Amino acid sequence: MNRSDVIGGSAVALTEALPFVAGIPRVYLVSDAIDTNGRFLLYTLASQVLSSASNNSNDKKKGRVLWLGCGPLTQEQILQGLRKIGCDRSVLATSTQANHKEPKSLTIRSLCVELSHKMLLQDDSHQDINKVFMKEMMQFVDQWLLLDNNSNNEMGTPWIILDDVSTLANLVGEQLVYQFILQLCAKSHAGGDGVTMSTSPGVILRCSNDQEDESLPVYSGASLKGHQAWFGAGGANNSTQQQQQAIHSEEPPWERSLVELADGVMDVLPLASGYTRELHGRIVLTEMPFGRGWKHNNKQQSDAAAIRNTHSKKAYPAMQIVNYCITDQNPKIVAYIM
């Protein structure tokens, strides 16, 4: 008897379980909890973009990744994580400068380190160093996207990974980070709903869901009272009274507003039964009702759009629940589709 028989569900590689297409720009939100770290999802998605085009995509060109690290991780640590996940080492060529002639497959910027250096070198002027820094980062993103137009080699869809926005907000403030995210999302939507020109990037945001995770037992109990129950950032599975309390609370989590910008949400959550040898956690994939769908172009109607067009008074997201296990074998991460 194999592991999948014991756990229940079919065991597949995580890359096969995720509704991700490297050739179609979308805005995805990865939300993790106190007991789980969602960075492995970023490594998995980035490796799909860098290594090869998705099997579900007609775009066979390899894409590019701009990894904006906001935590204490160095470039080498991020590269090490990509190697462990199985990313081809030949494509892990990094560049920290924007003035090279040909675009590299992977560009890594450590915002925490760069901001620290900038603060140490700051003079006695009264200019807002955080505001200047975020403005410079937006200019760098614009230059990075323009490399596709200036390059002789045709590239695939570029992807921007922001890991993670909660840490960045602690460094420069929530308002600056939210404005930065809005600009990235606007660039992703610039080409419409279809497969767009290469300069329209996909955006992957990772945020901490710690405050929401503390209330998870309360929210889950709503299902016993007849309320719609789903988990994490993908939806507020609470009653109308609980929603009003959240609105009028003194400090609601600002990350909750990111859900409205996302086409799809990937919640990385601990199992209710706790961490086990066979299973390490659960991923809830939520297609947002008013987004562009996981992988549909403007000629196809997504599941979310179908829900939106029904006569129902409420539009609930389309969900898929996947249990995962991180192993030392190939594939590195095994998903058990429920």
C-alpha atoms as a PDB file:
ATOM      1  CA  MET A   1       0.000   0.000   0.000  1.00  0.00           C
ATOM      2  CA  ASN A   2       1.502   3.333  -1.045  1.00  0.00           C
ATOM      3  CA  ARG A   3       1.289   6.690   0.682  1.00  0.00           C
ATOM      4  CA  SER A   4      -1.523   8.033  -1.494  1.00  0.00           C
ATOM      5  CA  ASP A   5      -3.721   5.079  -0.516  1.00  0.00           C
ATOM      6  CA  VAL A   6      -3.168   5.815   3.157  1.00  0.00           C
ATOM      7  CA  ILE A   7      -3.823   9.534   2.876  1.00  0.00           C
ATOM      8  CA  GLY A   8      -6.588   9.477   0.320  1.00  0.00           C
ATOM      9  CA  GLY A   9      -6.583  11.244  -3.023  1.00  0.00           C
ATOM     10  CA  SER A  10      -4.174  10.943  -5.943  1.00  0.00           C
ATOM     11  CA  ALA A  11      -0.504  11.863  -5.540  1.00  0.00           C
ATOM     12  CA  VAL A  12       0.925  14.120  -8.243  1.00  0.00           C
ATOM     13  CA  ALA A  13       3.734  16.630  -8.519  1.00  0.00           C
ATOM     14  CA  LEU A  14       2.773  20.020  -7.134  1.00  0.00           C
ATOM     15  CA  THR A  15       3.424  21.618 -10.523  1.00  0.00           C
ATOM     16  CA  GLU A  16       0.635  19.471 -11.975  1.00  0.00           C
ATOM     17  CA  ALA A  17      -1.802  20.426  -9.236  1.00  0.00           C
ATOM     18  CA  LEU A  18      -1.345  24.189  -9.513  1.00  0.00           C
ATOM     19  CA  PRO A  19      -3.548  26.015 -12.078  1.00  0.00           C
ATOM     20  CA  PHE A  20      -0.595  28.101 -13.257  1.00  0.00           C
ATOM     21  CA  VAL A  21       0.353  28.994 -16.836  1.00  0.00           C
ATOM     22  CA  ALA A  22       3.690  30.738 -17.254  1.00  0.00           C
ATOM     23  CA  GLY A  23       2.699  32.351 -20.552  1.00  0.00           C
ATOM     24  CA  ILE A  24      -0.391  34.212 -19.292  1.00  0.00           C
ATOM     25  CA  PRO A  25       0.126  37.250 -17.033  1.00  0.00           C
ATOM     26  CA  ARG A  26      -2.000  37.177 -13.911  1.00  0.00           C
ATOM     27  CA  VAL A  27      -1.897  38.581 -10.373  1.00  0.00           C
ATOM     28  CA  TYR A  28      -1.553  35.838  -7.761  1.00  0.00           C
ATOM     29  CA  LEU A  29      -1.547  36.207  -3.989  1.00  0.00           C
ATOM     30  CA  VAL A  30       0.277  33.620  -1.869  1.00  0.00           C
ATOM     31  CA  SER A  31      -0.849  33.907   1.736  1.00  0.00           C
ATOM     32  CA  ASP A  32       0.829  31.817   4.423  1.00  0.00           C
ATOM     33  CA  ALA A  33       0.080  31.270   8.095  1.00  0.00           C
ATOM     34  CA  ILE A  34       1.972  31.201  11.381  1.00  0.00           C
ATOM     35  CA  ASP A  35       2.900  27.515  11.154  1.00  0.00           C
ATOM     36  CA  THR A  36       3.492  27.378   7.401  1.00  0.00           C
ATOM     37  CA  ASN A  37       5.847  29.204   5.054  1.00  0.00           C
ATOM     38  CA  GLY A  38       4.624  29.768   1.511  1.00  0.00           C
ATOM     39  CA  ARG A  39       7.998  30.543  -0.044  1.00  0.00           C
ATOM     40  CA  PHE A  40       8.203  27.037  -1.508  1.00  0.00           C
ATOM     41  CA  LEU A  41       5.252  28.013  -3.718  1.00  0.00           C
ATOM     42  CA  LEU A  42       7.235  30.982  -5.035  1.00  0.00           C
ATOM     43  CA  TYR A  43      10.163  28.680  -5.814  1.00  0.00           C
ATOM     44  CA  THR A  44       7.826  26.267  -7.592  1.00  0.00           C
ATOM     45  CA  LEU A  45       6.150  28.949  -9.714  1.00  0.00           C
ATOM     46  CA  ALA A  46       9.466  30.634 -10.542  1.00  0.00           C
ATOM     47  CA  SER A  47      10.999  27.325 -11.638  1.00  0.00           C
ATOM     48  CA  GLN A  48       8.069  26.784 -14.003  1.00  0.00           C
ATOM     49  CA  VAL A  49       8.666  30.177 -15.585  1.00  0.00           C
ATOM     50  CA  LEU A  50      12.438  29.726 -15.855  1.00  0.00           C
ATOM     51  CA  SER A  51      12.757  26.067 -16.815  1.00  0.00           C
ATOM     52  CA  SER A  52      10.109  25.587 -19.476  1.00  0.00           C
ATOM     53  CA  ALA A  53       6.732  26.751 -20.651  1.00  0.00           C
ATOM     54  CA  SER A  54       3.701  25.188 -19.052  1.00  0.00           C
ATOM     55  CA  ASN A  55       2.205  22.139 -20.732  1.00  0.00           C
ATOM     56  CA  ASN A  56      -1.143  23.926 -20.746  1.00  0.00           C
ATOM     57  CA  SER A  57       0.233  26.952 -22.552  1.00  0.00           C
ATOM     58  CA  ASN A  58       0.805  27.503 -26.253  1.00  0.00           C
ATOM     59  CA  ASP A  59       3.680  29.827 -25.377  1.00  0.00           C
ATOM     60  CA  LYS A  60       6.891  27.778 -25.677  1.00  0.00           C
ATOM     61  CA  LYS A  61       9.247  30.668 -24.914  1.00  0.00           C
ATOM     62  CA  LYS A  62      10.922  30.771 -21.526  1.00  0.00           C
ATOM     63  CA  GLY A  63       9.966  33.702 -19.373  1.00  0.00           C
ATOM     64  CA  ARG A  64      11.959  35.932 -17.049  1.00  0.00           C
ATOM     65  CA  VAL A  65      11.661  36.430 -13.318  1.00  0.00           C
ATOM     66  CA  LEU A  66      12.364  39.541 -11.253  1.00  0.00           C
ATOM     67  CA  TRP A  67      12.586  38.410  -7.627  1.00  0.00           C
ATOM     68  CA  LEU A  68      12.239  41.274  -5.156  1.00  0.00           C
ATOM     69  CA  GLY A  69      13.235  39.823  -1.800  1.00  0.00           C
ATOM     70  CA  CYS A  70      12.036  41.881   1.146  1.00  0.00           C
ATOM     71  CA  GLY A  71      13.282  39.672   3.983  1.00  0.00           C
ATOM     72  CA  PRO A  72      16.708  38.700   5.307  1.00  0.00           C
ATOM     73  CA  LEU A  73      17.389  36.183   2.514  1.00  0.00           C
ATOM     74  CA  THR A  74      20.410  36.847   0.305  1.00  0.00           C
ATOM     75  CA  GLN A  75      20.637  36.221  -3.428  1.00  0.00           C
ATOM     76  CA  GLU A  76      22.582  33.015  -2.856  1.00  0.00           C
ATOM     77  CA  GLN A  77      19.941  31.701  -0.455  1.00  0.00           C
ATOM     78  CA  ILE A  78      17.200  32.340  -3.010  1.00  0.00           C
ATOM     79  CA  LEU A  79      19.253  30.578  -5.687  1.00  0.00           C
ATOM     80  CA  GLN A  80      19.799  27.669  -3.323  1.00  0.00           C
ATOM     81  CA  GLY A  81      16.054  27.381  -2.779  1.00  0.00           C
ATOM     82  CA  LEU A  82      15.460  27.277  -6.536  1.00  0.00           C
ATOM     83  CA  ARG A  83      18.111  24.568  -6.952  1.00  0.00           C
ATOM     84  CA  LYS A  84      16.522  22.437  -4.241  1.00  0.00           C
ATOM     85  CA  ILE A  85      13.131  22.703  -5.903  1.00  0.00           C
ATOM     86  CA  GLY A  86      14.652  21.299  -9.094  1.00  0.00           C
ATOM     87  CA  CYS A  87      15.126  24.413 -11.220  1.00  0.00           C
ATOM     88  CA  ASP A  88      17.631  24.014 -14.048  1.00  0.00           C
ATOM     89  CA  ARG A  89      20.939  25.513 -12.929  1.00  0.00           C
ATOM     90  CA  SER A  90      21.759  26.696 -16.434  1.00  0.00           C
ATOM     91  CA  VAL A  91      18.992  29.294 -16.268  1.00  0.00           C
ATOM     92  CA  LEU A  92      19.900  30.602 -12.813  1.00  0.00           C
ATOM     93  CA  ALA A  93      21.911  33.524 -14.165  1.00  0.00           C
ATOM     94  CA  THR A  94      21.336  36.566 -11.976  1.00  0.00           C
ATOM     95  CA  SER A  95      21.942  40.226 -12.582  1.00  0.00           C
ATOM     96  CA  THR A  96      21.754  43.122 -10.137  1.00  0.00           C
ATOM     97  CA  GLN A  97      22.208  45.857 -12.719  1.00  0.00           C
ATOM     98  CA  ALA A  98      19.678  47.144 -15.233  1.00  0.00           C
ATOM     99  CA  ASN A  99      22.176  48.385 -17.840  1.00  0.00           C
ATOM    100  CA  HIS A 100      23.059  45.031 -19.426  1.00  0.00           C
ATOM    101  CA  LYS A 101      22.189  44.658 -23.084  1.00  0.00           C
ATOM    102  CA  GLU A 102      20.504  41.265 -23.006  1.00  0.00           C
ATOM    103  CA  PRO A 103      17.855  40.280 -20.445  1.00  0.00           C
ATOM    104  CA  LYS A 104      18.854  37.563 -17.997  1.00  0.00           C
ATOM    105  CA  SER A 105      16.482  34.785 -17.014  1.00  0.00           C
ATOM    106  CA  LEU A 106      16.552  35.651 -13.322  1.00  0.00           C
ATOM    107  CA  THR A 107      17.162  38.974 -11.604  1.00  0.00           C
ATOM    108  CA  ILE A 108      17.249  39.113  -7.813  1.00  0.00           C
ATOM    109  CA  ARG A 109      17.124  42.260  -5.718  1.00  0.00           C
ATOM    110  CA  SER A 110      17.397  42.152  -1.930  1.00  0.00           C
ATOM    111  CA  LEU A 111      15.376  45.203  -0.913  1.00  0.00           C
ATOM    112  CA  CYS A 112      16.072  44.798   2.794  1.00  0.00           C
ATOM    113  CA  VAL A 113      19.842  44.861   2.269  1.00  0.00           C
ATOM    114  CA  GLU A 114      19.706  47.708  -0.242  1.00  0.00           C
ATOM    115  CA  LEU A 115      17.513  49.846   1.995  1.00  0.00           C
ATOM    116  CA  SER A 116      19.843  49.239   4.943  1.00  0.00           C
ATOM    117  CA  HIS A 117      22.841  50.393   2.908  1.00  0.00           C
ATOM    118  CA  LYS A 118      20.924  53.422   1.737  1.00  0.00           C
ATOM    119  CA  MET A 119      20.092  54.383   5.311  1.00  0.00           C
ATOM    120  CA  LEU A 120      23.727  54.038   6.391  1.00  0.00           C
ATOM    121  CA  LEU A 121      24.844  56.331   3.573  1.00  0.00           C
ATOM    122  CA  GLN A 122      22.077  58.868   4.127  1.00  0.00           C
ATOM    123  CA  ASP A 123      23.184  62.436   4.671  1.00  0.00           C
ATOM    124  CA  ASP A 124      21.511  64.991   6.932  1.00  0.00           C
ATOM    125  CA  SER A 125      18.885  65.939   4.350  1.00  0.00           C
ATOM    126  CA  HIS A 126      15.216  65.792   5.300  1.00  0.00           C
ATOM    127  CA  GLN A 127      14.014  63.854   2.247  1.00  0.00           C
ATOM    128  CA  ASP A 128      11.934  60.746   2.841  1.00  0.00           C
ATOM    129  CA  ILE A 129      14.386  57.915   2.184  1.00  0.00           C
ATOM    130  CA  ASN A 130      11.645  55.267   2.053  1.00  0.00           C
ATOM    131  CA  LYS A 131       9.672  57.175  -0.568  1.00  0.00           C
ATOM    132  CA  VAL A 132      12.790  57.780  -2.654  1.00  0.00           C
ATOM    133  CA  PHE A 133      13.758  54.108  -2.419  1.00  0.00           C
ATOM    134  CA  MET A 134      10.367  52.817  -3.577  1.00  0.00           C
ATOM    135  CA  LYS A 135      10.350  55.319  -6.433  1.00  0.00           C
ATOM    136  CA  GLU A 136      13.757  54.047  -7.535  1.00  0.00           C
ATOM    137  CA  MET A 137      12.489  50.468  -7.385  1.00  0.00           C
ATOM    138  CA  MET A 138       9.542  51.328  -9.634  1.00  0.00           C
ATOM    139  CA  GLN A 139      11.932  52.913 -12.118  1.00  0.00           C
ATOM    140  CA  PHE A 140      14.046  49.752 -12.033  1.00  0.00           C
ATOM    141  CA  VAL A 141      10.971  47.614 -12.744  1.00  0.00           C
ATOM    142  CA  ASP A 142      10.142  49.810 -15.755  1.00  0.00           C
ATOM    143  CA  GLN A 143      13.685  49.421 -17.092  1.00  0.00           C
ATOM    144  CA  TRP A 144      13.608  45.673 -16.499  1.00  0.00           C
ATOM    145  CA  LEU A 145      10.374  45.323 -18.468  1.00  0.00           C
ATOM    146  CA  LEU A 146      11.727  47.397 -21.358  1.00  0.00           C
ATOM    147  CA  LEU A 147      14.589  44.940 -21.859  1.00  0.00           C
ATOM    148  CA  ASP A 148      12.223  42.642 -23.759  1.00  0.00           C
ATOM    149  CA  ASN A 149      11.571  45.321 -26.375  1.00  0.00           C
ATOM    150  CA  ASN A 150      15.265  46.156 -26.711  1.00  0.00           C
ATOM    151  CA  SER A 151      16.422  42.541 -26.899  1.00  0.00           C
ATOM    152  CA  ASN A 152      17.052  40.686 -30.140  1.00  0.00           C
ATOM    153  CA  ASN A 153      15.942  37.432 -28.495  1.00  0.00           C
ATOM    154  CA  GLU A 154      12.203  36.985 -28.163  1.00  0.00           C
ATOM    155  CA  MET A 155      11.322  36.254 -24.548  1.00  0.00           C
ATOM    156  CA  GLY A 156       8.266  34.853 -22.830  1.00  0.00           C
ATOM    157  CA  THR A 157       6.052  36.524 -20.249  1.00  0.00           C
ATOM    158  CA  PRO A 158       8.006  38.322 -17.498  1.00  0.00           C
ATOM    159  CA  TRP A 159       7.022  37.648 -13.891  1.00  0.00           C
ATOM    160  CA  ILE A 160       7.598  39.855 -10.856  1.00  0.00           C
ATOM    161  CA  ILE A 161       7.741  38.145  -7.455  1.00  0.00           C
ATOM    162  CA  LEU A 162       7.418  40.267  -4.311  1.00  0.00           C
ATOM    163  CA  ASP A 163       8.518  38.213  -1.290  1.00  0.00           C
ATOM    164  CA  ASP A 164       7.017  39.304   0.987  1.00  0.00           C
ATOM    165  CA  VAL A 165       4.864  42.427   1.176  1.00  0.00           C
ATOM    166  CA  SER A 166       4.220  42.150   4.919  1.00  0.00           C
ATOM    167  CA  THR A 167       7.936  42.434   5.684  1.00  0.00           C
ATOM    168  CA  LEU A 168       8.352  45.262   3.182  1.00  0.00           C
ATOM    169  CA  ALA A 169       5.492  47.150   4.844  1.00  0.00           C
ATOM    170  CA  ASN A 170       7.323  46.906   8.158  1.00  0.00           C
ATOM    171  CA  LEU A 171      10.357  48.510   6.511  1.00  0.00           C
ATOM    172  CA  VAL A 172       8.883  51.363   4.478  1.00  0.00           C
ATOM    173  CA  GLY A 173       5.236  51.576   5.559  1.00  0.00           C
ATOM    174  CA  GLU A 174       1.972  50.087   4.351  1.00  0.00           C
ATOM    175  CA  GLN A 175       0.954  53.044   2.176  1.00  0.00           C
ATOM    176  CA  LEU A 176       4.117  53.027   0.048  1.00  0.00           C
ATOM    177  CA  VAL A 177       3.964  49.263  -0.386  1.00  0.00           C
ATOM    178  CA  TYR A 178       0.300  49.331  -1.390  1.00  0.00           C
ATOM    179  CA  GLN A 179       0.953  52.057  -3.963  1.00  0.00           C
ATOM    180  CA  PHE A 180       3.850  50.005  -5.340  1.00  0.00           C
ATOM    181  CA  ILE A 181       1.621  46.933  -5.624  1.00  0.00           C
ATOM    182  CA  LEU A 182      -1.105  48.939  -7.377  1.00  0.00           C
ATOM    183  CA  GLN A 183       1.401  50.055 -10.015  1.00  0.00           C
ATOM    184  CA  LEU A 184       2.566  46.474 -10.585  1.00  0.00           C
ATOM    185  CA  CYS A 185      -1.021  45.255 -10.941  1.00  0.00           C
ATOM    186  CA  ALA A 186      -1.800  48.072 -13.378  1.00  0.00           C
ATOM    187  CA  LYS A 187       1.078  46.919 -15.587  1.00  0.00           C
ATOM    188  CA  SER A 188      -0.220  43.350 -15.483  1.00  0.00           C
ATOM    189  CA  HIS A 189      -3.688  44.505 -16.598  1.00  0.00           C
ATOM    190  CA  ALA A 190      -2.337  46.812 -19.309  1.00  0.00           C
ATOM    191  CA  GLY A 191      -2.880  44.283 -22.093  1.00  0.00           C
ATOM    192  CA  GLY A 192      -6.396  43.158 -21.187  1.00  0.00           C
ATOM    193  CA  ASP A 193      -7.608  39.652 -20.326  1.00  0.00           C
ATOM    194  CA  GLY A 194      -5.853  37.702 -23.033  1.00  0.00           C
ATOM    195  CA  VAL A 195      -2.314  36.519 -23.632  1.00  0.00           C
ATOM    196  CA  THR A 196      -0.622  39.879 -23.985  1.00  0.00           C
ATOM    197  CA  MET A 197       2.615  41.353 -25.204  1.00  0.00           C
ATOM    198  CA  SER A 198       5.742  40.328 -23.344  1.00  0.00           C
ATOM    199  CA  THR A 199       6.025  43.614 -21.455  1.00  0.00           C
ATOM    200  CA  SER A 200       2.778  42.927 -19.573  1.00  0.00           C
ATOM    201  CA  PRO A 201       4.084  41.075 -16.526  1.00  0.00           C
ATOM    202  CA  GLY A 202       2.563  38.539 -14.239  1.00  0.00           C
ATOM    203  CA  VAL A 203       2.730  39.450 -10.553  1.00  0.00           C
ATOM    204  CA  ILE A 204       3.074  37.076  -7.593  1.00  0.00           C
ATOM    205  CA  LEU A 205       2.656  38.579  -4.124  1.00  0.00           C
ATOM    206  CA  ARG A 206       3.399  36.779  -0.890  1.00  0.00           C
ATOM    207  CA  CYS A 207       1.982  38.079   2.367  1.00  0.00           C
ATOM    208  CA  SER A 208       1.736  36.981   5.963  1.00  0.00           C
ATOM    209  CA  ASN A 209      -1.706  36.009   7.188  1.00  0.00           C
ATOM    210  CA  ASP A 210      -0.760  35.834  10.871  1.00  0.00           C
ATOM    211  CA  GLN A 211      -3.608  37.973  12.212  1.00  0.00           C
ATOM    212  CA  GLU A 212      -6.179  36.098  10.159  1.00  0.00           C
ATOM    213  CA  ASP A 213      -4.647  32.782  11.201  1.00  0.00           C
ATOM    214  CA  GLU A 214      -5.217  33.600  14.865  1.00  0.00           C
ATOM    215  CA  SER A 215      -8.943  33.909  14.119  1.00  0.00           C
ATOM    216  CA  LEU A 216      -9.108  30.747  11.994  1.00  0.00           C
ATOM    217  CA  PRO A 217     -10.775  28.578  14.685  1.00  0.00           C
ATOM    218  CA  VAL A 218     -13.471  31.246  15.121  1.00  0.00           C
ATOM    219  CA  TYR A 219     -14.027  31.552  11.372  1.00  0.00           C
ATOM    220  CA  SER A 220     -14.106  27.782  10.873  1.00  0.00           C
ATOM    221  CA  GLY A 221     -16.786  27.522  13.545  1.00  0.00           C
ATOM    222  CA  ALA A 222     -19.055  29.613  11.328  1.00  0.00           C
ATOM    223  CA  SER A 223     -19.669  26.528   9.192  1.00  0.00           C
ATOM    224  CA  LEU A 224     -21.504  24.949  12.124  1.00  0.00           C
ATOM    225  CA  LYS A 225     -23.955  27.842  12.025  1.00  0.00           C
ATOM    226  CA  GLY A 226     -24.757  27.457   8.343  1.00  0.00           C
ATOM    227  CA  HIS A 227     -22.317  30.033   6.956  1.00  0.00           C
ATOM    228  CA  GLN A 228     -20.153  29.507   3.906  1.00  0.00           C
ATOM    229  CA  ALA A 229     -16.724  28.324   5.099  1.00  0.00           C
ATOM    230  CA  TRP A 230     -13.428  28.658   3.298  1.00  0.00           C
ATOM    231  CA  PHE A 231      -9.992  29.446   4.555  1.00  0.00           C
ATOM    232  CA  GLY A 232      -7.293  32.100   4.630  1.00  0.00           C
ATOM    233  CA  ALA A 233      -7.108  35.164   2.432  1.00  0.00           C
ATOM    234  CA  GLY A 234      -9.269  33.610  -0.268  1.00  0.00           C
ATOM    235  CA  GLY A 235     -12.461  34.592   1.470  1.00  0.00           C
ATOM    236  CA  ALA A 236     -14.073  35.807   4.662  1.00  0.00           C
ATOM    237  CA  ASN A 237     -15.869  32.723   5.929  1.00  0.00           C
ATOM    238  CA  ASN A 238     -17.633  34.608   8.695  1.00  0.00           C
ATOM    239  CA  SER A 239     -21.098  35.920   9.379  1.00  0.00           C
ATOM    240  CA  THR A 240     -22.373  39.399   8.548  1.00  0.00           C
ATOM    241  CA  GLN A 241     -21.930  40.421  12.170  1.00  0.00           C
ATOM    242  CA  GLN A 242     -18.306  39.244  12.152  1.00  0.00           C
ATOM    243  CA  GLN A 243     -17.671  41.116   8.897  1.00  0.00           C
ATOM    244  CA  GLN A 244     -18.978  44.343  10.412  1.00  0.00           C
ATOM    245  CA  GLN A 245     -16.763  43.842  13.448  1.00  0.00           C
ATOM    246  CA  ALA A 246     -13.740  43.424  11.176  1.00  0.00           C
ATOM    247  CA  ILE A 247     -14.580  46.609   9.265  1.00  0.00           C
ATOM    248  CA  HIS A 248     -14.876  48.689  12.421  1.00  0.00           C
ATOM    249  CA  SER A 249     -11.860  47.163  14.163  1.00  0.00           C
ATOM    250  CA  GLU A 250      -9.044  49.545  15.042  1.00  0.00           C
ATOM    251  CA  GLU A 251      -6.340  47.858  12.959  1.00  0.00           C
ATOM    252  CA  PRO A 252      -7.711  45.419  10.372  1.00  0.00           C
ATOM    253  CA  PRO A 253      -4.985  43.543   8.449  1.00  0.00           C
ATOM    254  CA  TRP A 254      -4.062  45.646   5.429  1.00  0.00           C
ATOM    255  CA  GLU A 255      -3.155  42.484   3.530  1.00  0.00           C
ATOM    256  CA  ARG A 256      -6.882  41.688   3.309  1.00  0.00           C
ATOM    257  CA  SER A 257      -7.230  44.401   0.638  1.00  0.00           C
ATOM    258  CA  LEU A 258      -4.780  42.529  -1.611  1.00  0.00           C
ATOM    259  CA  VAL A 259      -7.432  39.882  -2.238  1.00  0.00           C
ATOM    260  CA  GLU A 260      -9.409  42.373  -4.312  1.00  0.00           C
ATOM    261  CA  LEU A 261      -6.419  42.841  -6.632  1.00  0.00           C
ATOM    262  CA  ALA A 262      -5.718  39.143  -7.190  1.00  0.00           C
ATOM    263  CA  ASP A 263      -6.993  36.872  -9.939  1.00  0.00           C
ATOM    264  CA  GLY A 264      -6.212  33.849  -7.792  1.00  0.00           C
ATOM    265  CA  VAL A 265      -5.283  33.263  -4.154  1.00  0.00           C
ATOM    266  CA  MET A 266      -3.085  30.442  -2.856  1.00  0.00           C
ATOM    267  CA  ASP A 267      -3.494  29.985   0.895  1.00  0.00           C
ATOM    268  CA  VAL A 268      -0.814  27.858   2.567  1.00  0.00           C
ATOM    269  CA  LEU A 269      -2.280  26.555   5.814  1.00  0.00           C
ATOM    270  CA  PRO A 270      -1.440  24.008   8.497  1.00  0.00           C
ATOM    271  CA  LEU A 271      -3.533  20.882   8.760  1.00  0.00           C
ATOM    272  CA  ALA A 272      -6.173  20.839  11.461  1.00  0.00           C
ATOM    273  CA  SER A 273      -4.690  17.541  12.664  1.00  0.00           C
ATOM    274  CA  GLY A 274      -1.229  19.068  12.875  1.00  0.00           C
ATOM    275  CA  TYR A 275       2.075  18.394  11.115  1.00  0.00           C
ATOM    276  CA  THR A 276       2.633  14.748  10.178  1.00  0.00           C
ATOM    277  CA  ARG A 277       5.313  12.744   8.433  1.00  0.00           C
ATOM    278  CA  GLU A 278       3.103  12.117   5.412  1.00  0.00           C
ATOM    279  CA  LEU A 279       1.575  15.593   5.120  1.00  0.00           C
ATOM    280  CA  HIS A 280       3.085  18.976   5.867  1.00  0.00           C
ATOM    281  CA  GLY A 281       0.205  21.304   5.124  1.00  0.00           C
ATOM    282  CA  ARG A 282      -2.662  22.307   2.889  1.00  0.00           C
ATOM    283  CA  ILE A 283      -2.984  24.659  -0.075  1.00  0.00           C
ATOM    284  CA  VAL A 284      -6.366  26.201  -0.835  1.00  0.00           C
ATOM    285  CA  LEU A 285      -6.517  27.487  -4.422  1.00  0.00           C
ATOM    286  CA  THR A 286      -9.213  30.143  -4.799  1.00  0.00           C
ATOM    287  CA  GLU A 287     -10.214  31.677  -8.121  1.00  0.00           C
ATOM    288  CA  MET A 288     -11.576  35.106  -7.285  1.00  0.00           C
ATOM    289  CA  PRO A 289     -15.087  35.831  -8.620  1.00  0.00           C
ATOM    290  CA  PHE A 290     -14.248  39.169 -10.234  1.00  0.00           C
ATOM    291  CA  GLY A 291     -10.740  38.358 -11.452  1.00  0.00           C
ATOM    292  CA  ARG A 292      -9.499  37.195 -14.842  1.00  0.00           C
ATOM    293  CA  GLY A 293      -9.424  33.522 -13.890  1.00  0.00           C
ATOM    294  CA  TRP A 294      -6.437  31.242 -13.507  1.00  0.00           C
ATOM    295  CA  LYS A 295      -5.564  30.653 -17.143  1.00  0.00           C
ATOM    296  CA  HIS A 296      -8.373  31.828 -19.421  1.00  0.00           C
ATOM    297  CA  ASN A 297      -8.060  34.396 -22.175  1.00  0.00           C
ATOM    298  CA  ASN A 298     -10.687  36.840 -23.345  1.00  0.00           C
ATOM    299  CA  LYS A 299     -12.253  34.238 -25.649  1.00  0.00           C
ATOM    300  CA  GLN A 300     -12.864  31.781 -22.844  1.00  0.00           C
ATOM    301  CA  GLN A 301     -15.079  32.175 -19.828  1.00  0.00           C
ATOM    302  CA  SER A 302     -13.480  31.232 -16.527  1.00  0.00           C
ATOM    303  CA  ASP A 303     -15.238  29.379 -13.754  1.00  0.00           C
ATOM    304  CA  ALA A 304     -15.244  32.602 -11.758  1.00  0.00           C
ATOM    305  CA  ALA A 305     -16.936  34.454 -14.603  1.00  0.00           C
ATOM    306  CA  ALA A 306     -19.570  31.738 -14.829  1.00  0.00           C
ATOM    307  CA  ILE A 307     -20.295  32.133 -11.132  1.00  0.00           C
ATOM    308  CA  ARG A 308     -20.477  35.884 -11.550  1.00  0.00           C
ATOM    309  CA  ASN A 309     -23.062  35.614 -14.320  1.00  0.00           C
ATOM    310  CA  THR A 310     -25.458  33.430 -12.356  1.00  0.00           C
ATOM    311  CA  HIS A 311     -28.602  34.810 -10.740  1.00  0.00           C
ATOM    312  CA  SER A 312     -27.284  33.985  -7.301  1.00  0.00           C
ATOM    313  CA  LYS A 313     -27.272  36.815  -4.768  1.00  0.00           C
ATOM    314  CA  LYS A 314     -23.744  35.873  -3.660  1.00  0.00           C
ATOM    315  CA  ALA A 315     -20.760  34.949  -5.803  1.00  0.00           C
ATOM    316  CA  TYR A 316     -18.557  32.436  -4.025  1.00  0.00           C
ATOM    317  CA  PRO A 317     -15.043  31.667  -5.303  1.00  0.00           C
ATOM    318  CA  ALA A 318     -14.242  28.434  -7.096  1.00  0.00           C
ATOM    319  CA  MET A 319     -11.888  26.445  -4.857  1.00  0.00           C
ATOM    320  CA  GLN A 320      -9.589  23.463  -4.922  1.00  0.00           C
ATOM    321  CA  ILE A 321      -7.933  21.985  -1.833  1.00  0.00           C
ATOM    322  CA  VAL A 322      -4.539  20.294  -2.119  1.00  0.00           C
ATOM    323  CA  ASN A 323      -2.545  18.640   0.662  1.00  0.00           C
ATOM    324  CA  TYR A 324       1.219  18.765   0.156  1.00  0.00           C
ATOM    325  CA  CYS A 325       4.338  16.984   1.358  1.00  0.00           C
ATOM    326  CA  ILE A 326       7.902  18.265   0.845  1.00  0.00           C
ATOM    327  CA  THR A 327      10.301  15.377   0.164  1.00  0.00           C
ATOM    328  CA  ASP A 328      13.963  14.838  -0.741  1.00  0.00           C
ATOM    329  CA  GLN A 329      13.017  12.813  -3.802  1.00  0.00           C
ATOM    330  CA  ASN A 330      11.729  13.781  -7.234  1.00  0.00           C
ATOM    331  CA  PRO A 331       9.309  15.427  -7.406  1.00  0.00           C
ATOM    332  CA  LYS A 332      10.453  17.560  -4.495  1.00  0.00           C
ATOM    333  CA  ILE A 333       6.899  18.477  -3.498  1.00  0.00           C
ATOM    334  CA  VAL A 334       4.045  15.992  -3.776  1.00  0.00           C
ATOM    335  CA  ALA A 335       0.433  17.159  -3.843  1.00  0.00           C
ATOM    336  CA  TYR A 336      -2.553  15.032  -2.863  1.00  0.00           C
ATOM    337  CA  ILE A 337      -5.630  16.329  -4.667  1.00  0.00           C
ATOM    338  CA  MET A 338      -8.729  16.030  -2.490  1.00  0.00           C
END
